[in-house]
N, C-alpha and C. Protein backbone atom coordinates (compact mmCIF):
# COMPACT_ATOMS: atom_id res chain seq x y z
N MET A 1 -36.57 -30.38 -5.29
CA MET A 1 -36.03 -29.84 -4.05
C MET A 1 -37.22 -29.35 -3.21
N THR A 2 -37.25 -29.77 -1.98
CA THR A 2 -38.35 -29.36 -1.11
C THR A 2 -38.09 -27.95 -0.59
N GLU A 3 -39.10 -27.39 0.05
CA GLU A 3 -38.98 -26.03 0.57
C GLU A 3 -37.92 -25.95 1.67
N THR A 4 -37.83 -26.98 2.48
CA THR A 4 -36.83 -27.01 3.55
C THR A 4 -35.42 -27.07 2.98
N GLU A 5 -35.23 -27.89 1.94
CA GLU A 5 -33.91 -27.98 1.31
C GLU A 5 -33.54 -26.65 0.65
N ALA A 6 -34.50 -25.98 0.03
CA ALA A 6 -34.23 -24.70 -0.61
C ALA A 6 -33.85 -23.65 0.43
N LEU A 7 -34.56 -23.65 1.56
CA LEU A 7 -34.24 -22.71 2.63
C LEU A 7 -32.85 -22.99 3.20
N LEU A 8 -32.52 -24.26 3.39
CA LEU A 8 -31.21 -24.64 3.90
C LEU A 8 -30.11 -24.21 2.92
N ALA A 9 -30.35 -24.39 1.63
CA ALA A 9 -29.37 -23.98 0.62
C ALA A 9 -29.19 -22.47 0.63
N ALA A 10 -30.28 -21.72 0.75
CA ALA A 10 -30.21 -20.26 0.78
C ALA A 10 -29.47 -19.77 2.02
N VAL A 11 -29.75 -20.37 3.17
CA VAL A 11 -29.06 -19.98 4.41
C VAL A 11 -27.58 -20.33 4.32
N THR A 12 -27.26 -21.47 3.72
CA THR A 12 -25.85 -21.87 3.55
C THR A 12 -25.10 -20.87 2.69
N VAL A 13 -25.70 -20.46 1.58
CA VAL A 13 -25.07 -19.47 0.71
C VAL A 13 -24.90 -18.14 1.45
N PHE A 14 -25.90 -17.75 2.21
CA PHE A 14 -25.84 -16.50 2.97
C PHE A 14 -24.70 -16.53 3.99
N VAL A 15 -24.58 -17.61 4.73
CA VAL A 15 -23.52 -17.73 5.74
C VAL A 15 -22.15 -17.77 5.07
N LEU A 16 -22.02 -18.49 3.95
CA LEU A 16 -20.74 -18.52 3.25
C LEU A 16 -20.38 -17.15 2.69
N ALA A 17 -21.36 -16.39 2.22
CA ALA A 17 -21.10 -15.04 1.72
C ALA A 17 -20.62 -14.13 2.85
N ILE A 18 -21.21 -14.27 4.03
CA ILE A 18 -20.76 -13.47 5.18
C ILE A 18 -19.32 -13.83 5.54
N LEU A 19 -19.01 -15.11 5.61
CA LEU A 19 -17.66 -15.54 5.97
C LEU A 19 -16.64 -15.10 4.91
N CYS A 20 -17.00 -15.22 3.65
CA CYS A 20 -16.10 -14.81 2.56
C CYS A 20 -15.87 -13.31 2.60
N GLY A 21 -16.94 -12.53 2.78
CA GLY A 21 -16.80 -11.08 2.87
C GLY A 21 -15.95 -10.66 4.04
N PHE A 22 -16.15 -11.29 5.18
CA PHE A 22 -15.34 -10.98 6.36
C PHE A 22 -13.88 -11.32 6.12
N ALA A 23 -13.61 -12.46 5.49
CA ALA A 23 -12.23 -12.86 5.22
C ALA A 23 -11.55 -11.88 4.27
N VAL A 24 -12.26 -11.41 3.26
CA VAL A 24 -11.68 -10.47 2.30
C VAL A 24 -11.43 -9.12 2.95
N ILE A 25 -12.43 -8.58 3.66
CA ILE A 25 -12.31 -7.25 4.25
C ILE A 25 -11.28 -7.23 5.38
N SER A 26 -11.16 -8.31 6.13
CA SER A 26 -10.22 -8.31 7.24
C SER A 26 -8.76 -8.31 6.76
N LYS A 27 -8.52 -8.67 5.51
CA LYS A 27 -7.16 -8.67 4.96
C LYS A 27 -6.76 -7.30 4.42
N VAL A 28 -7.69 -6.37 4.30
CA VAL A 28 -7.40 -5.05 3.74
C VAL A 28 -6.85 -4.15 4.85
N PRO A 29 -5.71 -3.48 4.59
CA PRO A 29 -5.19 -2.56 5.61
C PRO A 29 -6.15 -1.40 5.85
N ALA A 30 -6.11 -0.83 7.04
CA ALA A 30 -7.04 0.24 7.41
C ALA A 30 -6.89 1.45 6.49
N THR A 31 -5.69 1.71 5.99
CA THR A 31 -5.49 2.88 5.13
C THR A 31 -6.16 2.72 3.76
N LEU A 32 -6.40 1.50 3.35
CA LEU A 32 -7.04 1.26 2.05
C LEU A 32 -8.53 0.97 2.17
N HIS A 33 -9.02 0.74 3.37
CA HIS A 33 -10.40 0.32 3.53
C HIS A 33 -11.39 1.37 3.01
N THR A 34 -11.20 2.63 3.40
CA THR A 34 -12.14 3.67 2.98
C THR A 34 -12.12 3.89 1.47
N PRO A 35 -10.96 4.01 0.82
CA PRO A 35 -10.99 4.16 -0.64
C PRO A 35 -11.60 2.97 -1.36
N LEU A 36 -11.34 1.77 -0.87
CA LEU A 36 -11.92 0.59 -1.52
C LEU A 36 -13.44 0.56 -1.36
N MET A 37 -13.92 0.89 -0.16
CA MET A 37 -15.35 0.86 0.07
C MET A 37 -16.06 1.97 -0.70
N SER A 38 -15.44 3.13 -0.78
CA SER A 38 -16.07 4.22 -1.52
C SER A 38 -16.05 3.91 -3.01
N GLY A 39 -15.04 3.20 -3.46
CA GLY A 39 -14.99 2.81 -4.87
C GLY A 39 -15.98 1.72 -5.22
N ALA A 40 -16.53 1.06 -4.23
CA ALA A 40 -17.47 -0.03 -4.47
C ALA A 40 -18.92 0.45 -4.48
N ASN A 41 -19.16 1.74 -4.60
CA ASN A 41 -20.53 2.26 -4.60
C ASN A 41 -21.36 1.68 -5.74
N SER A 42 -20.72 1.38 -6.86
CA SER A 42 -21.49 0.80 -7.97
C SER A 42 -22.02 -0.58 -7.60
N ILE A 43 -21.26 -1.33 -6.84
CA ILE A 43 -21.72 -2.65 -6.39
C ILE A 43 -22.91 -2.48 -5.45
N HIS A 44 -22.83 -1.48 -4.57
CA HIS A 44 -23.94 -1.23 -3.65
C HIS A 44 -25.19 -0.81 -4.42
N GLY A 45 -24.99 -0.09 -5.51
CA GLY A 45 -26.13 0.29 -6.36
C GLY A 45 -26.79 -0.93 -6.99
N ILE A 46 -25.98 -1.91 -7.37
CA ILE A 46 -26.52 -3.15 -7.94
C ILE A 46 -27.30 -3.90 -6.87
N VAL A 47 -26.80 -3.89 -5.65
CA VAL A 47 -27.52 -4.53 -4.53
C VAL A 47 -28.87 -3.85 -4.34
N LEU A 48 -28.90 -2.52 -4.43
CA LEU A 48 -30.15 -1.78 -4.28
C LEU A 48 -31.14 -2.15 -5.38
N VAL A 49 -30.68 -2.24 -6.60
CA VAL A 49 -31.56 -2.63 -7.71
C VAL A 49 -32.08 -4.04 -7.49
N GLY A 50 -31.22 -4.95 -7.05
CA GLY A 50 -31.65 -6.32 -6.76
C GLY A 50 -32.69 -6.37 -5.65
N ALA A 51 -32.48 -5.56 -4.62
CA ALA A 51 -33.46 -5.52 -3.52
C ALA A 51 -34.80 -4.99 -4.01
N MET A 52 -34.76 -4.03 -4.94
CA MET A 52 -36.03 -3.50 -5.49
C MET A 52 -36.73 -4.55 -6.35
N PHE A 53 -35.97 -5.33 -7.11
CA PHE A 53 -36.58 -6.41 -7.90
C PHE A 53 -37.23 -7.45 -6.99
N ILE A 54 -36.57 -7.75 -5.89
CA ILE A 54 -37.14 -8.70 -4.93
C ILE A 54 -38.40 -8.11 -4.29
N ALA A 55 -38.38 -6.81 -4.00
CA ALA A 55 -39.54 -6.16 -3.39
C ALA A 55 -40.75 -6.21 -4.31
N VAL A 56 -40.53 -6.13 -5.61
CA VAL A 56 -41.64 -6.17 -6.57
C VAL A 56 -42.31 -7.55 -6.54
N GLU A 57 -41.52 -8.59 -6.34
CA GLU A 57 -42.05 -9.95 -6.35
C GLU A 57 -42.62 -10.39 -5.00
N ALA A 58 -42.46 -9.60 -3.97
CA ALA A 58 -42.91 -9.97 -2.62
C ALA A 58 -44.44 -10.01 -2.58
N THR A 59 -44.98 -11.11 -2.07
CA THR A 59 -46.44 -11.27 -2.01
C THR A 59 -46.97 -11.41 -0.59
N THR A 60 -46.22 -12.06 0.27
CA THR A 60 -46.68 -12.25 1.65
C THR A 60 -46.22 -11.07 2.51
N PRO A 61 -46.91 -10.80 3.60
CA PRO A 61 -46.51 -9.67 4.46
C PRO A 61 -45.08 -9.78 4.98
N ILE A 62 -44.63 -10.96 5.34
CA ILE A 62 -43.26 -11.10 5.86
C ILE A 62 -42.24 -10.84 4.76
N SER A 63 -42.51 -11.30 3.54
CA SER A 63 -41.57 -11.03 2.45
C SER A 63 -41.58 -9.56 2.07
N GLN A 64 -42.72 -8.89 2.20
CA GLN A 64 -42.78 -7.45 1.92
C GLN A 64 -42.00 -6.66 2.97
N ILE A 65 -42.11 -7.07 4.23
CA ILE A 65 -41.37 -6.39 5.30
C ILE A 65 -39.87 -6.61 5.12
N LEU A 66 -39.46 -7.84 4.84
CA LEU A 66 -38.04 -8.14 4.65
C LEU A 66 -37.48 -7.42 3.42
N SER A 67 -38.27 -7.34 2.36
CA SER A 67 -37.79 -6.63 1.17
C SER A 67 -37.70 -5.13 1.43
N LEU A 68 -38.62 -4.59 2.22
CA LEU A 68 -38.53 -3.17 2.59
C LEU A 68 -37.26 -2.91 3.41
N ILE A 69 -36.96 -3.81 4.32
CA ILE A 69 -35.74 -3.67 5.12
C ILE A 69 -34.51 -3.78 4.22
N ALA A 70 -34.54 -4.71 3.26
CA ALA A 70 -33.41 -4.86 2.34
C ALA A 70 -33.20 -3.60 1.50
N VAL A 71 -34.29 -3.02 1.01
CA VAL A 71 -34.18 -1.78 0.22
C VAL A 71 -33.67 -0.65 1.10
N ALA A 72 -34.16 -0.56 2.32
CA ALA A 72 -33.71 0.51 3.22
C ALA A 72 -32.22 0.37 3.54
N PHE A 73 -31.76 -0.83 3.86
CA PHE A 73 -30.34 -1.02 4.16
C PHE A 73 -29.46 -0.78 2.94
N ALA A 74 -29.91 -1.23 1.77
CA ALA A 74 -29.13 -1.01 0.55
C ALA A 74 -29.05 0.49 0.24
N THR A 75 -30.14 1.21 0.46
CA THR A 75 -30.13 2.66 0.24
C THR A 75 -29.18 3.34 1.21
N MET A 76 -29.23 2.95 2.48
CA MET A 76 -28.30 3.54 3.45
C MET A 76 -26.85 3.24 3.08
N ASN A 77 -26.60 2.06 2.55
CA ASN A 77 -25.25 1.68 2.14
C ASN A 77 -24.76 2.55 0.99
N VAL A 78 -25.61 2.79 0.00
CA VAL A 78 -25.23 3.62 -1.14
C VAL A 78 -24.98 5.06 -0.68
N VAL A 79 -25.92 5.63 0.06
CA VAL A 79 -25.79 7.01 0.52
C VAL A 79 -24.56 7.15 1.43
N GLY A 80 -24.39 6.21 2.34
CA GLY A 80 -23.23 6.24 3.22
C GLY A 80 -21.92 6.16 2.47
N GLY A 81 -21.88 5.37 1.41
CA GLY A 81 -20.66 5.27 0.60
C GLY A 81 -20.31 6.60 -0.05
N TYR A 82 -21.32 7.30 -0.55
CA TYR A 82 -21.05 8.59 -1.17
C TYR A 82 -20.68 9.64 -0.12
N VAL A 83 -21.26 9.57 1.06
CA VAL A 83 -20.89 10.50 2.13
C VAL A 83 -19.44 10.29 2.54
N VAL A 84 -19.03 9.03 2.67
CA VAL A 84 -17.65 8.72 3.03
C VAL A 84 -16.70 9.18 1.92
N THR A 85 -17.09 8.96 0.67
CA THR A 85 -16.25 9.40 -0.44
C THR A 85 -16.08 10.91 -0.43
N ASP A 86 -17.17 11.64 -0.22
CA ASP A 86 -17.10 13.09 -0.19
C ASP A 86 -16.22 13.57 0.96
N ARG A 87 -16.38 12.97 2.11
CA ARG A 87 -15.56 13.35 3.27
C ARG A 87 -14.09 13.05 3.02
N MET A 88 -13.83 11.92 2.36
CA MET A 88 -12.45 11.56 2.07
C MET A 88 -11.84 12.54 1.06
N LEU A 89 -12.60 12.93 0.04
CA LEU A 89 -12.09 13.86 -0.95
C LEU A 89 -11.88 15.25 -0.38
N GLN A 90 -12.66 15.64 0.62
CA GLN A 90 -12.48 16.94 1.25
C GLN A 90 -11.14 17.04 1.97
N MET A 91 -10.59 15.91 2.37
CA MET A 91 -9.29 15.94 3.04
C MET A 91 -8.18 16.38 2.08
N PHE A 92 -8.38 16.19 0.78
CA PHE A 92 -7.34 16.49 -0.20
C PHE A 92 -7.53 17.85 -0.87
N ARG A 93 -8.60 18.55 -0.56
CA ARG A 93 -8.82 19.88 -1.13
C ARG A 93 -7.96 20.90 -0.41
N LYS A 94 -7.50 21.88 -1.19
CA LYS A 94 -6.72 22.96 -0.59
C LYS A 94 -7.67 23.90 0.13
N LYS A 95 -7.27 24.31 1.30
CA LYS A 95 -8.08 25.25 2.07
C LYS A 95 -7.85 26.64 1.50
N PRO A 96 -8.91 27.43 1.38
CA PRO A 96 -8.72 28.78 0.84
C PRO A 96 -7.88 29.63 1.80
N THR A 97 -6.99 30.40 1.22
CA THR A 97 -6.15 31.27 2.04
C THR A 97 -6.68 32.69 1.93
N ALA A 98 -6.54 33.41 3.00
CA ALA A 98 -7.00 34.80 3.01
C ALA A 98 -6.04 35.64 2.18
N PRO A 99 -6.56 36.60 1.39
CA PRO A 99 -5.66 37.43 0.59
C PRO A 99 -4.81 38.31 1.51
N ALA A 100 -3.61 38.59 1.05
CA ALA A 100 -2.69 39.42 1.83
C ALA A 100 -3.25 40.83 1.92
N PRO A 101 -3.14 41.46 3.08
CA PRO A 101 -3.66 42.83 3.20
C PRO A 101 -2.85 43.79 2.32
N LYS A 102 -3.59 44.70 1.68
CA LYS A 102 -2.94 45.66 0.79
C LYS A 102 -2.43 46.84 1.62
N THR A 103 -1.23 47.28 1.32
CA THR A 103 -0.68 48.45 2.00
C THR A 103 -0.83 49.64 1.07
N ASP A 104 -1.12 50.76 1.64
CA ASP A 104 -1.32 51.96 0.83
C ASP A 104 0.04 52.59 0.55
N GLN A 105 0.50 52.55 -0.68
CA GLN A 105 1.79 53.07 -1.10
C GLN A 105 1.77 54.59 -1.27
N ALA A 106 0.58 55.19 -1.38
CA ALA A 106 0.48 56.64 -1.66
C ALA A 106 0.91 57.47 -0.48
N GLU A 107 0.75 56.98 0.72
CA GLU A 107 1.14 57.76 1.90
C GLU A 107 2.66 57.79 2.02
N GLY A 108 3.18 58.87 2.42
CA GLY A 108 4.58 58.82 2.60
C GLY A 108 5.27 60.04 2.66
């Protein structure tokens, strides 16, 4: 396989992954989107590890820059997922109530 064919195959897989991801996510109702995405943080962590493995193998300046961008985006995705999860869970916490004022029974 020549370098051009390998690049074409990689771009084809990338475009198909984008289309597949869009098709799957667009079918999810809005009420389920946040819980599903926050539950997928482990997948985002795997993406981050993969980006770091690619960054280790990067030798040319362009591949180093692209791998740095990949690691940065994967990190933002993981952190953002946990922020969304925390915000979503805060909606279900009970708000603290103020204690009832005590009346002095001794007066009278």
